């Protein structure tokens, strides 16, 4: 089994910063693409940023220039540095990882989700 555990959410004033972390653990052969999604009340879950195991990144237009995704592949960990936060960034942030595992049934690959961490931007 594989688990993703997020941390780093909280309450911050507009213009402030937060750093989210997500660590994957369990039966992991390789972590492939890792990403952060978010979901605000009444909205669909949306992609915030993603990063390949080669370091290629992709960002939603709404966070470009303010958020930075990074990873430490050897530690199966992904980070999201969020600067210049706005009230509209308020949401539950979810970590997602595409992971290759090796078990008695062979090698298989599937996406996993964390439980989410709340980010609230308010004065």
N, C-alpha and C. Protein backbone atom coordinates (compact mmCIF):
# COMPACT_ATOMS: atom_id res chain seq x y z
N UNK A 1 0.82 -1.19 0.00
CA UNK A 1 0.00 0.00 0.00
C UNK A 1 0.86 1.25 0.00
N UNK A 2 0.32 2.31 -0.57
CA UNK A 2 1.01 3.60 -0.64
C UNK A 2 0.14 4.64 0.04
N UNK A 3 0.78 5.50 0.81
CA UNK A 3 0.08 6.61 1.45
C UNK A 3 0.76 7.93 1.11
N UNK A 4 -0.06 8.97 0.94
CA UNK A 4 0.44 10.33 0.76
C UNK A 4 -0.04 11.15 1.95
N UNK A 5 0.86 11.85 2.59
CA UNK A 5 0.51 12.67 3.75
C UNK A 5 0.96 14.10 3.50
N UNK A 6 -0.04 15.02 3.51
CA UNK A 6 0.26 16.43 3.31
C UNK A 6 0.43 17.14 4.65
N UNK A 7 1.16 18.25 4.63
CA UNK A 7 1.29 19.11 5.80
C UNK A 7 1.59 20.53 5.33
N UNK A 8 1.41 21.48 6.24
CA UNK A 8 1.81 22.85 5.95
C UNK A 8 0.68 23.82 5.69
N UNK A 9 -0.56 23.35 5.69
CA UNK A 9 -1.68 24.26 5.48
C UNK A 9 -1.91 25.13 6.71
N UNK A 10 -2.83 26.08 6.56
CA UNK A 10 -3.16 26.94 7.69
C UNK A 10 -3.82 28.22 7.25
N UNK A 11 -3.89 29.16 8.19
CA UNK A 11 -4.49 30.47 7.95
C UNK A 11 -3.38 31.49 7.73
N UNK A 12 -3.51 32.28 6.67
CA UNK A 12 -2.50 33.29 6.36
C UNK A 12 -3.21 34.53 5.83
N UNK A 13 -2.61 35.69 6.05
CA UNK A 13 -3.18 36.93 5.55
C UNK A 13 -2.87 37.10 4.06
N UNK A 14 -3.70 37.85 3.37
CA UNK A 14 -3.39 38.13 1.95
C UNK A 14 -1.99 38.72 1.81
N UNK A 15 -1.29 38.22 0.79
CA UNK A 15 0.08 38.63 0.57
C UNK A 15 1.11 37.76 1.28
N UNK A 16 0.64 36.89 2.15
CA UNK A 16 1.54 36.02 2.89
C UNK A 16 1.97 34.80 2.12
N UNK A 17 2.72 33.93 2.80
CA UNK A 17 3.28 32.73 2.17
C UNK A 17 3.02 31.49 3.02
N UNK A 18 2.93 30.37 2.34
CA UNK A 18 2.85 29.06 2.99
C UNK A 18 3.64 28.08 2.14
N UNK A 19 4.13 27.03 2.80
CA UNK A 19 4.81 25.95 2.08
C UNK A 19 4.14 24.64 2.44
N UNK A 20 3.61 23.98 1.43
CA UNK A 20 2.99 22.67 1.62
C UNK A 20 3.99 21.57 1.31
N UNK A 21 3.88 20.49 2.07
CA UNK A 21 4.72 19.31 1.85
C UNK A 21 3.85 18.09 1.68
N UNK A 22 4.34 17.13 0.92
CA UNK A 22 3.62 15.87 0.74
C UNK A 22 4.66 14.76 0.64
N UNK A 23 4.54 13.78 1.51
CA UNK A 23 5.47 12.66 1.52
C UNK A 23 4.73 11.38 1.19
N UNK A 24 5.26 10.63 0.25
CA UNK A 24 4.71 9.33 -0.11
C UNK A 24 5.50 8.24 0.59
N UNK A 25 4.77 7.25 1.08
CA UNK A 25 5.43 6.13 1.76
C UNK A 25 4.72 4.84 1.41
N UNK A 26 5.43 3.73 1.64
CA UNK A 26 4.84 2.43 1.36
C UNK A 26 5.64 1.68 0.31
N UNK A 27 4.94 0.84 -0.42
CA UNK A 27 5.59 -0.01 -1.42
C UNK A 27 5.79 0.77 -2.71
N UNK A 28 6.89 1.52 -2.77
CA UNK A 28 7.15 2.40 -3.90
C UNK A 28 8.39 1.94 -4.65
N UNK A 29 8.22 1.68 -5.94
CA UNK A 29 9.36 1.40 -6.80
C UNK A 29 9.87 2.69 -7.42
N UNK A 30 8.92 3.55 -7.85
CA UNK A 30 9.28 4.83 -8.45
C UNK A 30 8.09 5.76 -8.39
N UNK A 31 8.35 7.03 -8.03
CA UNK A 31 7.32 8.06 -8.16
C UNK A 31 7.48 8.73 -9.51
N UNK A 32 6.42 8.83 -10.23
CA UNK A 32 6.44 9.44 -11.56
C UNK A 32 6.01 10.89 -11.41
N UNK A 33 4.99 11.33 -12.12
CA UNK A 33 4.58 12.72 -11.98
C UNK A 33 3.93 12.93 -10.61
N UNK A 34 4.24 14.08 -9.99
CA UNK A 34 3.63 14.47 -8.72
C UNK A 34 2.96 15.82 -8.93
N UNK A 35 1.88 16.06 -8.19
CA UNK A 35 1.11 17.27 -8.46
C UNK A 35 0.36 17.73 -7.22
N UNK A 36 -0.06 18.97 -7.28
CA UNK A 36 -0.95 19.56 -6.28
C UNK A 36 -2.23 19.99 -6.98
N UNK A 37 -3.35 19.63 -6.38
CA UNK A 37 -4.67 20.07 -6.83
C UNK A 37 -5.30 20.85 -5.67
N UNK A 38 -6.36 21.58 -5.99
CA UNK A 38 -7.11 22.26 -4.93
C UNK A 38 -8.59 22.25 -5.26
N UNK A 39 -9.38 22.34 -4.20
CA UNK A 39 -10.82 22.37 -4.37
C UNK A 39 -11.42 23.34 -3.37
N UNK A 40 -12.05 24.39 -3.89
CA UNK A 40 -12.75 25.35 -3.06
C UNK A 40 -14.21 24.94 -2.95
N UNK A 41 -14.90 25.37 -1.89
CA UNK A 41 -16.32 25.00 -1.74
C UNK A 41 -17.14 25.38 -2.97
N UNK A 42 -17.90 24.42 -3.46
CA UNK A 42 -18.75 24.65 -4.62
C UNK A 42 -18.05 24.56 -5.96
N UNK A 43 -16.74 24.33 -5.93
CA UNK A 43 -15.96 24.25 -7.18
C UNK A 43 -15.46 22.84 -7.42
N UNK A 44 -15.10 22.58 -8.66
CA UNK A 44 -14.48 21.30 -8.99
C UNK A 44 -13.00 21.33 -8.57
N UNK A 45 -12.44 20.15 -8.35
CA UNK A 45 -11.03 20.06 -8.07
C UNK A 45 -10.25 20.48 -9.30
N UNK A 46 -9.23 21.30 -9.11
CA UNK A 46 -8.45 21.79 -10.24
C UNK A 46 -6.96 21.58 -10.01
N UNK A 47 -6.24 21.41 -11.11
CA UNK A 47 -4.80 21.26 -11.05
C UNK A 47 -4.15 22.60 -10.73
N UNK A 48 -3.27 22.60 -9.75
CA UNK A 48 -2.52 23.81 -9.39
C UNK A 48 -1.14 23.77 -10.05
N UNK A 49 -0.43 22.66 -9.87
CA UNK A 49 0.91 22.53 -10.42
C UNK A 49 1.30 21.07 -10.46
N UNK A 50 2.18 20.73 -11.39
CA UNK A 50 2.67 19.37 -11.48
C UNK A 50 4.16 19.40 -11.82
N UNK A 51 4.82 18.27 -11.51
CA UNK A 51 6.26 18.16 -11.78
C UNK A 51 6.58 16.72 -12.13
N UNK A 52 7.33 16.53 -13.21
CA UNK A 52 7.74 15.20 -13.60
C UNK A 52 8.96 14.77 -12.82
N UNK A 53 9.34 13.51 -12.92
CA UNK A 53 10.55 13.09 -12.22
C UNK A 53 11.80 13.61 -12.91
N UNK A 54 11.63 14.23 -14.06
CA UNK A 54 12.74 14.92 -14.72
C UNK A 54 12.81 16.39 -14.37
N UNK A 55 11.83 16.86 -13.58
CA UNK A 55 11.85 18.25 -13.14
C UNK A 55 11.05 19.21 -14.00
N UNK A 56 10.37 18.72 -15.03
CA UNK A 56 9.54 19.61 -15.84
C UNK A 56 8.28 19.99 -15.05
N UNK A 57 7.95 21.27 -15.07
CA UNK A 57 6.83 21.77 -14.28
C UNK A 57 5.73 22.34 -15.15
N UNK A 58 4.54 22.37 -14.57
CA UNK A 58 3.37 22.95 -15.24
C UNK A 58 2.53 23.63 -14.16
N UNK A 59 2.02 24.83 -14.48
CA UNK A 59 1.25 25.59 -13.50
C UNK A 59 -0.07 26.07 -14.08
N UNK A 60 -1.07 26.16 -13.22
CA UNK A 60 -2.30 26.83 -13.61
C UNK A 60 -2.00 28.31 -13.82
N UNK A 61 -2.68 28.92 -14.77
CA UNK A 61 -2.44 30.34 -15.07
C UNK A 61 -2.62 31.20 -13.83
N UNK A 62 -3.56 30.83 -12.97
CA UNK A 62 -3.90 31.65 -11.80
C UNK A 62 -2.79 31.70 -10.75
N UNK A 63 -1.83 30.77 -10.83
CA UNK A 63 -0.77 30.74 -9.81
C UNK A 63 0.62 30.99 -10.38
N UNK A 64 0.73 31.13 -11.69
CA UNK A 64 2.04 31.35 -12.30
C UNK A 64 2.69 32.60 -11.73
N UNK A 65 3.97 32.47 -11.39
CA UNK A 65 4.71 33.59 -10.85
C UNK A 65 4.57 33.74 -9.34
N UNK A 66 3.63 33.01 -8.75
CA UNK A 66 3.43 33.09 -7.29
C UNK A 66 3.74 31.77 -6.58
N UNK A 67 3.45 30.66 -7.23
CA UNK A 67 3.64 29.33 -6.64
C UNK A 67 4.82 28.64 -7.32
N UNK A 68 5.52 27.82 -6.55
CA UNK A 68 6.63 27.03 -7.09
C UNK A 68 6.52 25.61 -6.57
N UNK A 69 6.49 24.65 -7.50
CA UNK A 69 6.48 23.24 -7.12
C UNK A 69 7.89 22.68 -7.24
N UNK A 70 8.25 21.82 -6.30
CA UNK A 70 9.56 21.18 -6.34
C UNK A 70 9.42 19.79 -5.73
N UNK A 71 10.45 18.98 -5.92
CA UNK A 71 10.39 17.62 -5.39
C UNK A 71 11.78 17.13 -5.03
N UNK A 72 11.81 16.18 -4.12
CA UNK A 72 13.02 15.44 -3.81
C UNK A 72 12.68 13.99 -4.10
N UNK A 73 13.03 13.54 -5.27
CA UNK A 73 12.59 12.22 -5.73
C UNK A 73 13.11 11.11 -4.83
N UNK A 74 14.33 11.25 -4.35
CA UNK A 74 14.92 10.20 -3.50
C UNK A 74 14.14 10.03 -2.20
N UNK A 75 13.39 11.08 -1.81
CA UNK A 75 12.60 11.04 -0.58
C UNK A 75 11.11 10.92 -0.88
N UNK A 76 10.75 10.79 -2.16
CA UNK A 76 9.34 10.68 -2.56
C UNK A 76 8.51 11.82 -1.97
N UNK A 77 9.06 13.02 -2.05
CA UNK A 77 8.43 14.18 -1.44
C UNK A 77 8.26 15.28 -2.47
N UNK A 78 7.13 15.97 -2.38
CA UNK A 78 6.86 17.10 -3.25
C UNK A 78 6.45 18.29 -2.39
N UNK A 79 6.84 19.48 -2.82
CA UNK A 79 6.56 20.71 -2.08
C UNK A 79 5.82 21.70 -2.98
N UNK A 80 5.09 22.59 -2.32
CA UNK A 80 4.45 23.70 -3.03
C UNK A 80 4.70 24.96 -2.21
N UNK A 81 5.57 25.83 -2.73
CA UNK A 81 5.82 27.11 -2.10
C UNK A 81 4.81 28.11 -2.67
N UNK A 82 4.02 28.70 -1.79
CA UNK A 82 2.96 29.61 -2.22
C UNK A 82 3.25 31.00 -1.66
N UNK A 83 3.48 31.95 -2.55
CA UNK A 83 3.76 33.33 -2.17
C UNK A 83 2.66 34.25 -2.68
N UNK A 84 2.61 35.44 -2.14
CA UNK A 84 1.64 36.45 -2.57
C UNK A 84 0.23 35.86 -2.60
N UNK A 85 -0.13 35.19 -1.53
CA UNK A 85 -1.41 34.50 -1.49
C UNK A 85 -2.58 35.47 -1.53
N UNK A 86 -3.64 35.02 -2.18
CA UNK A 86 -4.86 35.82 -2.36
C UNK A 86 -6.04 35.08 -1.72
N UNK A 87 -7.08 35.79 -1.35
CA UNK A 87 -8.26 35.11 -0.80
C UNK A 87 -8.80 34.01 -1.72
N UNK A 88 -8.69 34.21 -3.02
CA UNK A 88 -9.19 33.21 -3.96
C UNK A 88 -8.33 31.95 -4.00
N UNK A 89 -7.21 31.94 -3.31
CA UNK A 89 -6.41 30.72 -3.19
C UNK A 89 -6.93 29.81 -2.07
N UNK A 90 -7.91 30.30 -1.31
CA UNK A 90 -8.49 29.51 -0.24
C UNK A 90 -9.13 28.24 -0.79
N UNK A 91 -8.70 27.10 -0.26
CA UNK A 91 -9.19 25.81 -0.75
C UNK A 91 -8.56 24.70 0.08
N UNK A 92 -9.04 23.49 -0.14
CA UNK A 92 -8.34 22.31 0.36
C UNK A 92 -7.36 21.89 -0.73
N UNK A 93 -6.12 21.74 -0.36
CA UNK A 93 -5.07 21.37 -1.31
C UNK A 93 -4.75 19.89 -1.16
N UNK A 94 -4.75 19.20 -2.29
CA UNK A 94 -4.53 17.77 -2.33
C UNK A 94 -3.25 17.43 -3.09
N UNK A 95 -2.51 16.52 -2.53
CA UNK A 95 -1.33 15.98 -3.20
C UNK A 95 -1.75 14.78 -4.05
N UNK A 96 -1.16 14.68 -5.22
CA UNK A 96 -1.42 13.55 -6.11
C UNK A 96 -0.09 13.03 -6.63
N UNK A 97 0.04 11.72 -6.67
CA UNK A 97 1.29 11.14 -7.18
C UNK A 97 0.97 9.89 -8.00
N UNK A 98 1.62 9.82 -9.13
CA UNK A 98 1.54 8.63 -9.98
C UNK A 98 2.73 7.75 -9.60
N UNK A 99 2.42 6.55 -9.07
CA UNK A 99 3.46 5.74 -8.44
C UNK A 99 3.50 4.34 -9.04
N UNK A 100 4.71 3.90 -9.29
CA UNK A 100 4.93 2.53 -9.73
C UNK A 100 5.33 1.70 -8.52
N UNK A 101 4.61 0.60 -8.31
CA UNK A 101 4.88 -0.28 -7.18
C UNK A 101 5.25 -1.67 -7.69
N UNK A 102 5.99 -2.39 -6.88
CA UNK A 102 6.37 -3.76 -7.22
C UNK A 102 5.90 -4.66 -6.10
N UNK A 103 5.11 -5.67 -6.45
CA UNK A 103 4.60 -6.58 -5.44
C UNK A 103 4.60 -8.00 -5.94
N UNK A 104 3.96 -8.89 -5.20
CA UNK A 104 3.92 -10.30 -5.57
C UNK A 104 3.18 -10.52 -6.88
N UNK A 105 2.28 -9.57 -7.22
CA UNK A 105 1.52 -9.68 -8.47
C UNK A 105 2.23 -9.04 -9.65
N UNK A 106 3.41 -8.53 -9.41
CA UNK A 106 4.15 -7.88 -10.48
C UNK A 106 4.28 -6.40 -10.27
N UNK A 107 4.57 -5.70 -11.34
CA UNK A 107 4.76 -4.25 -11.29
C UNK A 107 3.49 -3.58 -11.80
N UNK A 108 3.02 -2.60 -11.07
CA UNK A 108 1.85 -1.87 -11.52
C UNK A 108 1.99 -0.40 -11.16
N UNK A 109 1.20 0.41 -11.86
CA UNK A 109 1.29 1.86 -11.75
C UNK A 109 -0.10 2.43 -11.57
N UNK A 110 -0.27 3.31 -10.60
CA UNK A 110 -1.57 3.92 -10.37
C UNK A 110 -1.42 5.26 -9.65
N UNK A 111 -2.41 6.13 -9.75
CA UNK A 111 -2.38 7.41 -9.04
C UNK A 111 -2.89 7.27 -7.61
N UNK A 112 -2.32 8.07 -6.72
CA UNK A 112 -2.73 8.10 -5.33
C UNK A 112 -3.03 9.54 -4.93
N UNK A 113 -3.92 9.69 -3.94
CA UNK A 113 -4.29 10.99 -3.42
C UNK A 113 -4.04 11.07 -1.93
N UNK A 114 -3.63 12.25 -1.48
CA UNK A 114 -3.60 12.52 -0.06
C UNK A 114 -4.98 12.93 0.42
N UNK A 115 -5.11 13.15 1.73
CA UNK A 115 -6.41 13.51 2.30
C UNK A 115 -6.69 14.99 2.21
N UNK A 116 -5.69 15.78 1.93
CA UNK A 116 -5.88 17.21 1.78
C UNK A 116 -5.48 18.01 2.99
N UNK A 117 -5.11 19.26 2.75
CA UNK A 117 -4.78 20.19 3.82
C UNK A 117 -5.44 21.53 3.50
N UNK A 118 -6.06 22.14 4.51
CA UNK A 118 -6.80 23.38 4.30
C UNK A 118 -5.86 24.57 4.25
N UNK A 119 -6.05 25.41 3.25
CA UNK A 119 -5.36 26.69 3.15
C UNK A 119 -6.42 27.78 3.13
N UNK A 120 -6.34 28.69 4.08
CA UNK A 120 -7.29 29.80 4.18
C UNK A 120 -6.53 31.11 4.13
N UNK A 121 -6.89 31.95 3.18
CA UNK A 121 -6.25 33.26 3.02
C UNK A 121 -7.29 34.31 3.37
N UNK A 122 -7.08 34.97 4.50
CA UNK A 122 -8.07 35.92 4.99
C UNK A 122 -7.43 36.90 5.96
N UNK A 123 -7.94 38.12 5.96
CA UNK A 123 -7.47 39.11 6.92
C UNK A 123 -8.34 39.12 8.16
